[in-house]
PDB file of N, CA and C in Angstrom:
ATOM      1  N   MET A   1     -92.279 -44.625  20.678  1.00  0.00           N
ATOM      2  CA  MET A   1     -93.518 -45.308  20.375  1.00  0.00           C
ATOM      3  C   MET A   1     -94.229 -45.625  21.680  1.00  0.00           C
ATOM      4  N   GLN A   2     -95.513 -45.318  21.727  1.00  0.00           N
ATOM      5  CA  GLN A   2     -96.294 -45.596  22.917  1.00  0.00           C
ATOM      6  C   GLN A   2     -97.313 -46.683  22.621  1.00  0.00           C
ATOM      7  N   LEU A   3     -97.616 -47.452  23.622  1.00  0.00           N
ATOM      8  CA  LEU A   3     -98.620 -48.499  23.503  1.00  0.00           C
ATOM      9  C   LEU A   3     -99.994 -47.855  23.542  1.00  0.00           C
ATOM     10  N   GLY A   4    -100.779 -48.067  22.475  1.00  0.00           N
ATOM     11  CA  GLY A   4    -102.110 -47.482  22.406  1.00  0.00           C
ATOM     12  C   GLY A   4    -103.135 -48.271  23.179  1.00  0.00           C
ATOM     13  N   SER A   5    -103.018 -49.587  23.137  1.00  0.00           N
ATOM     14  CA  SER A   5    -103.945 -50.437  23.878  1.00  0.00           C
ATOM     15  C   SER A   5    -103.355 -51.833  24.005  1.00  0.00           C
ATOM     16  N   MET A   6    -103.922 -52.574  24.931  1.00  0.00           N
ATOM     17  CA  MET A   6    -103.489 -53.940  25.157  1.00  0.00           C
ATOM     18  C   MET A   6    -104.724 -54.742  25.546  1.00  0.00           C
ATOM     19  N   LYS A   7    -104.778 -55.990  25.109  1.00  0.00           N
ATOM     20  CA  LYS A   7    -105.935 -56.829  25.387  1.00  0.00           C
ATOM     21  C   LYS A   7    -105.436 -58.200  25.848  1.00  0.00           C
ATOM     22  N   LEU A   8    -105.909 -58.653  26.988  1.00  0.00           N
ATOM     23  CA  LEU A   8    -105.559 -59.963  27.519  1.00  0.00           C
ATOM     24  C   LEU A   8    -106.706 -60.908  27.198  1.00  0.00           C
ATOM     25  N   VAL A   9    -106.380 -61.980  26.479  1.00  0.00           N
ATOM     26  CA  VAL A   9    -107.394 -62.939  26.070  1.00  0.00           C
ATOM     27  C   VAL A   9    -107.122 -64.262  26.781  1.00  0.00           C
ATOM     28  N   PRO A  10    -108.008 -64.673  27.682  1.00  0.00           N
ATOM     29  CA  PRO A  10    -107.811 -65.933  28.400  1.00  0.00           C
ATOM     30  C   PRO A  10    -107.830 -67.126  27.441  1.00  0.00           C
ATOM     31  N   SER A  11    -107.036 -68.126  27.769  1.00  0.00           N
ATOM     32  CA  SER A  11    -107.023 -69.363  26.990  1.00  0.00           C
ATOM     33  C   SER A  11    -106.723 -70.525  27.925  1.00  0.00           C
ATOM     34  N   SER A  12    -106.537 -71.674  27.360  1.00  0.00           N
ATOM     35  CA  SER A  12    -106.228 -72.852  28.181  1.00  0.00           C
ATOM     36  C   SER A  12    -105.122 -73.653  27.510  1.00  0.00           C
ATOM     37  N   GLY A  13    -104.682 -74.685  28.172  1.00  0.00           N
ATOM     38  CA  GLY A  13    -103.686 -75.569  27.587  1.00  0.00           C
ATOM     39  C   GLY A  13    -102.272 -75.042  27.606  1.00  0.00           C
ATOM     40  N   GLY A  14    -101.976 -74.067  28.463  1.00  0.00           N
ATOM     41  CA  GLY A  14    -100.611 -73.558  28.563  1.00  0.00           C
ATOM     42  C   GLY A  14    -100.243 -72.541  27.506  1.00  0.00           C
ATOM     43  N   ALA A  15    -101.221 -72.076  26.752  1.00  0.00           N
ATOM     44  CA  ALA A  15    -100.936 -71.087  25.699  1.00  0.00           C
ATOM     45  C   ALA A  15    -100.608 -69.737  26.327  1.00  0.00           C
ATOM     46  N   PHE A  16     -99.578 -69.120  25.857  1.00  0.00           N
ATOM     47  CA  PHE A  16     -99.222 -67.743  26.233  1.00  0.00           C
ATOM     48  C   PHE A  16     -98.575 -67.158  24.997  1.00  0.00           C
ATOM     49  N   GLU A  17     -99.339 -66.429  24.227  1.00  0.00           N
ATOM     50  CA  GLU A  17     -98.839 -65.871  22.984  1.00  0.00           C
ATOM     51  C   GLU A  17     -98.928 -64.355  23.022  1.00  0.00           C
ATOM     52  N   VAL A  18     -97.915 -63.731  22.461  1.00  0.00           N
ATOM     53  CA  VAL A  18     -97.866 -62.278  22.390  1.00  0.00           C
ATOM     54  C   VAL A  18     -97.931 -61.906  20.912  1.00  0.00           C
ATOM     55  N   LYS A  19     -98.918 -61.064  20.584  1.00  0.00           N
ATOM     56  CA  LYS A  19     -99.072 -60.589  19.212  1.00  0.00           C
ATOM     57  C   LYS A  19     -99.086 -59.073  19.215  1.00  0.00           C
ATOM     58  N   ALA A  20     -98.539 -58.493  18.162  1.00  0.00           N
ATOM     59  CA  ALA A  20     -98.564 -57.046  17.977  1.00  0.00           C
ATOM     60  C   ALA A  20     -98.909 -56.774  16.525  1.00  0.00           C
ATOM     61  N   ASN A  21     -99.910 -55.952  16.309  1.00  0.00           N
ATOM     62  CA  ASN A  21    -100.371 -55.644  14.948  1.00  0.00           C
ATOM     63  C   ASN A  21    -100.677 -56.912  14.162  1.00  0.00           C
ATOM     64  N   GLY A  22    -101.207 -57.928  14.849  1.00  0.00           N
ATOM     65  CA  GLY A  22    -101.582 -59.173  14.192  1.00  0.00           C
ATOM     66  C   GLY A  22    -100.431 -60.126  13.943  1.00  0.00           C
ATOM     67  N   LYS A  23     -99.213 -59.725  14.306  1.00  0.00           N
ATOM     68  CA  LYS A  23     -98.037 -60.576  14.088  1.00  0.00           C
ATOM     69  C   LYS A  23     -97.655 -61.275  15.385  1.00  0.00           C
ATOM     70  N   LEU A  24     -97.405 -62.579  15.310  1.00  0.00           N
ATOM     71  CA  LEU A  24     -96.998 -63.351  16.477  1.00  0.00           C
ATOM     72  C   LEU A  24     -95.568 -62.986  16.862  1.00  0.00           C
ATOM     73  N   ILE A  25     -95.408 -62.485  18.081  1.00  0.00           N
ATOM     74  CA  ILE A  25     -94.093 -62.069  18.584  1.00  0.00           C
ATOM     75  C   ILE A  25     -93.453 -63.185  19.401  1.00  0.00           C
ATOM     76  N   HIS A  26     -94.283 -63.893  20.178  1.00  0.00           N
ATOM     77  CA  HIS A  26     -93.771 -64.976  21.023  1.00  0.00           C
ATOM     78  C   HIS A  26     -94.881 -65.993  21.258  1.00  0.00           C
ATOM     79  N   SER A  27     -94.515 -67.261  21.269  1.00  0.00           N
ATOM     80  CA  SER A  27     -95.459 -68.325  21.575  1.00  0.00           C
ATOM     81  C   SER A  27     -94.835 -69.280  22.586  1.00  0.00           C
ATOM     82  N   LYS A  28     -95.433 -69.358  23.777  1.00  0.00           N
ATOM     83  CA  LYS A  28     -94.957 -70.306  24.782  1.00  0.00           C
ATOM     84  C   LYS A  28     -95.193 -71.739  24.312  1.00  0.00           C
ATOM     85  N   LEU A  29     -96.232 -71.947  23.518  1.00  0.00           N
ATOM     86  CA  LEU A  29     -96.481 -73.286  22.987  1.00  0.00           C
ATOM     87  C   LEU A  29     -95.337 -73.754  22.089  1.00  0.00           C
ATOM     88  N   GLU A  30     -94.720 -72.813  21.357  1.00  0.00           N
ATOM     89  CA  GLU A  30     -93.606 -73.157  20.470  1.00  0.00           C
ATOM     90  C   GLU A  30     -92.275 -73.262  21.209  1.00  0.00           C
ATOM     91  N   THR A  31     -92.046 -72.355  22.176  1.00  0.00           N
ATOM     92  CA  THR A  31     -90.734 -72.295  22.839  1.00  0.00           C
ATOM     93  C   THR A  31     -90.684 -73.050  24.158  1.00  0.00           C
ATOM     94  N   GLY A  32     -91.863 -73.231  24.792  1.00  0.00           N
ATOM     95  CA  GLY A  32     -91.898 -73.864  26.105  1.00  0.00           C
ATOM     96  C   GLY A  32     -91.528 -72.915  27.231  1.00  0.00           C
ATOM     97  N   GLN A  33     -91.335 -71.631  26.919  1.00  0.00           N
ATOM     98  CA  GLN A  33     -90.916 -70.650  27.924  1.00  0.00           C
ATOM     99  C   GLN A  33     -91.761 -69.390  27.836  1.00  0.00           C
ATOM    100  N   PHE A  34     -91.880 -68.704  28.959  1.00  0.00           N
ATOM    101  CA  PHE A  34     -92.500 -67.387  28.946  1.00  0.00           C
ATOM    102  C   PHE A  34     -91.527 -66.412  28.301  1.00  0.00           C
ATOM    103  N   PRO A  35     -92.021 -65.364  27.674  1.00  0.00           N
ATOM    104  CA  PRO A  35     -91.123 -64.431  26.993  1.00  0.00           C
ATOM    105  C   PRO A  35     -90.370 -63.539  27.963  1.00  0.00           C
ATOM    106  N   ASP A  36     -89.206 -63.141  27.537  1.00  0.00           N
ATOM    107  CA  ASP A  36     -88.413 -62.147  28.255  1.00  0.00           C
ATOM    108  C   ASP A  36     -88.990 -60.777  27.900  1.00  0.00           C
ATOM    109  N   PRO A  37     -89.377 -59.974  28.886  1.00  0.00           N
ATOM    110  CA  PRO A  37     -89.998 -58.673  28.579  1.00  0.00           C
ATOM    111  C   PRO A  37     -89.162 -57.797  27.646  1.00  0.00           C
ATOM    112  N   ASP A  38     -87.845 -57.788  27.808  1.00  0.00           N
ATOM    113  CA  ASP A  38     -86.993 -56.964  26.948  1.00  0.00           C
ATOM    114  C   ASP A  38     -87.060 -57.419  25.495  1.00  0.00           C
ATOM    115  N   SER A  39     -87.132 -58.721  25.258  1.00  0.00           N
ATOM    116  CA  SER A  39     -87.207 -59.210  23.884  1.00  0.00           C
ATOM    117  C   SER A  39     -88.550 -58.853  23.251  1.00  0.00           C
ATOM    118  N   ILE A  40     -89.603 -58.810  24.050  1.00  0.00           N
ATOM    119  CA  ILE A  40     -90.908 -58.403  23.534  1.00  0.00           C
ATOM    120  C   ILE A  40     -90.871 -56.932  23.131  1.00  0.00           C
ATOM    121  N   VAL A  41     -90.289 -56.096  23.967  1.00  0.00           N
ATOM    122  CA  VAL A  41     -90.192 -54.659  23.653  1.00  0.00           C
ATOM    123  C   VAL A  41     -89.385 -54.466  22.370  1.00  0.00           C
ATOM    124  N   ARG A  42     -88.280 -55.169  22.237  1.00  0.00           N
ATOM    125  CA  ARG A  42     -87.452 -55.041  21.022  1.00  0.00           C
ATOM    126  C   ARG A  42     -88.238 -55.483  19.780  1.00  0.00           C
ATOM    127  N   ALA A  43     -88.958 -56.585  19.880  1.00  0.00           N
ATOM    128  CA  ALA A  43     -89.728 -57.091  18.746  1.00  0.00           C
ATOM    129  C   ALA A  43     -90.812 -56.117  18.316  1.00  0.00           C
ATOM    130  N   VAL A  44     -91.485 -55.517  19.284  1.00  0.00           N
ATOM    131  CA  VAL A  44     -92.547 -54.541  18.963  1.00  0.00           C
ATOM    132  C   VAL A  44     -91.936 -53.315  18.315  1.00  0.00           C
ATOM    133  N   ARG A  45     -90.806 -52.864  18.794  1.00  0.00           N
ATOM    134  CA  ARG A  45     -90.154 -51.691  18.208  1.00  0.00           C
ATOM    135  C   ARG A  45     -89.729 -51.946  16.771  1.00  0.00           C
ATOM    136  N   GLN A  46     -89.336 -53.180  16.460  1.00  0.00           N
ATOM    137  CA  GLN A  46     -88.911 -53.517  15.096  1.00  0.00           C
ATOM    138  C   GLN A  46     -90.080 -53.518  14.118  1.00  0.00           C
ATOM    139  N   LEU A  47     -91.303 -53.591  14.616  1.00  0.00           N
ATOM    140  CA  LEU A  47     -92.481 -53.585  13.742  1.00  0.00           C
ATOM    141  C   LEU A  47     -92.759 -52.209  13.149  1.00  0.00           C
ATOM    142  N   ARG A  48     -92.161 -51.176  13.690  1.00  0.00           N
ATOM    143  CA  ARG A  48     -92.416 -49.814  13.201  1.00  0.00           C
ATOM    144  C   ARG A  48     -91.988 -49.626  11.802  1.00  0.00           C
TER     145      ARG A  48
END
């Protein structure tokens, strides 16, 4: 699976959320941590 596009949307208040196909994959607001890149890749692959 290849990434077709990516869009970075600026925000404020410490928000850092990763979404794929409209589904929330990771939220720093919920976890208090930045995502681990490997876990993001695994989550996106599971969406197939």
